[in-house]
Amino acid sequence: MRDGETKSGLPSVAKAVEMFSRFPGVGRKSAQRMVQHLLRRERSDMDLLILALEGLRDKVRPCTVCFNLAEGKLCWICADQQRDQNTLCLLEETSDLLAMEKAGAFRGVYHVLGGRLSPLDGVGPEDLHFATLTQRLQQRPVRELIIATNPTVEGEATAHYAVQIAQPLVGKVTRLAYGLPMGGELEYLDESTLYQALAGRREF
């Protein structure tokens, strides 16, 4: 904690600013504005925010099958018997899954790795959900595995590692089409681009 909040004898404000500034894309100035906004709101609004955060902490867990977010044993996708269980889409993060669902082009099921391979950052295969992917494919083989890691250097390395694991276990392994911009992130792409990338996927 530092600067004006602490010097002015407002350690609670300083702590709140510090915590908000840890959010992705939120700098210290933005964090200060967020705290000031909360302080101007009704107390009931802050109570609702606290309840929402407690709900995130106490209720939200990884799905036991695909590692999507869930408030029970299974996420809403794994619990949906109408999904195509023979087509599995491999993603880096739950935010990528939400982008795919928003595009509305995919009716299969997912497996979320929880990140991407990045040796420079100390992230290896054992840090991601590759072991559970292998186990899942062994227990219930699928017709097609669609690799939808992001078109970045790390995403490509992750995709190639996934191919090595999956090819002996899956009928077909495909990759999203390269209409995706190199260095782009799935969660920031519009629905049309994602739809076309899925429709034009190529086989490894």
Foldseek 3Di string as FASTA:
>chain_A
DDDDCVVVVNVVLVVQLVVVCPDPPRHSVNSNVVSVVVVPDDPVVVVVVVVVVVCCVPFWFQACQAGAIPRDNHRPLVVDPPAAAQEEEEEADNLLVVLQVVLVQHRHYYHYFPHFDDVVVPDDSVNTCLVSVLVNLVVPPHAEYEYEYAQEPRSVVRLVVSCVSPVVRYNWYWYFDPVHDRVDHSSPDHSVSRNNRVVPIDTD
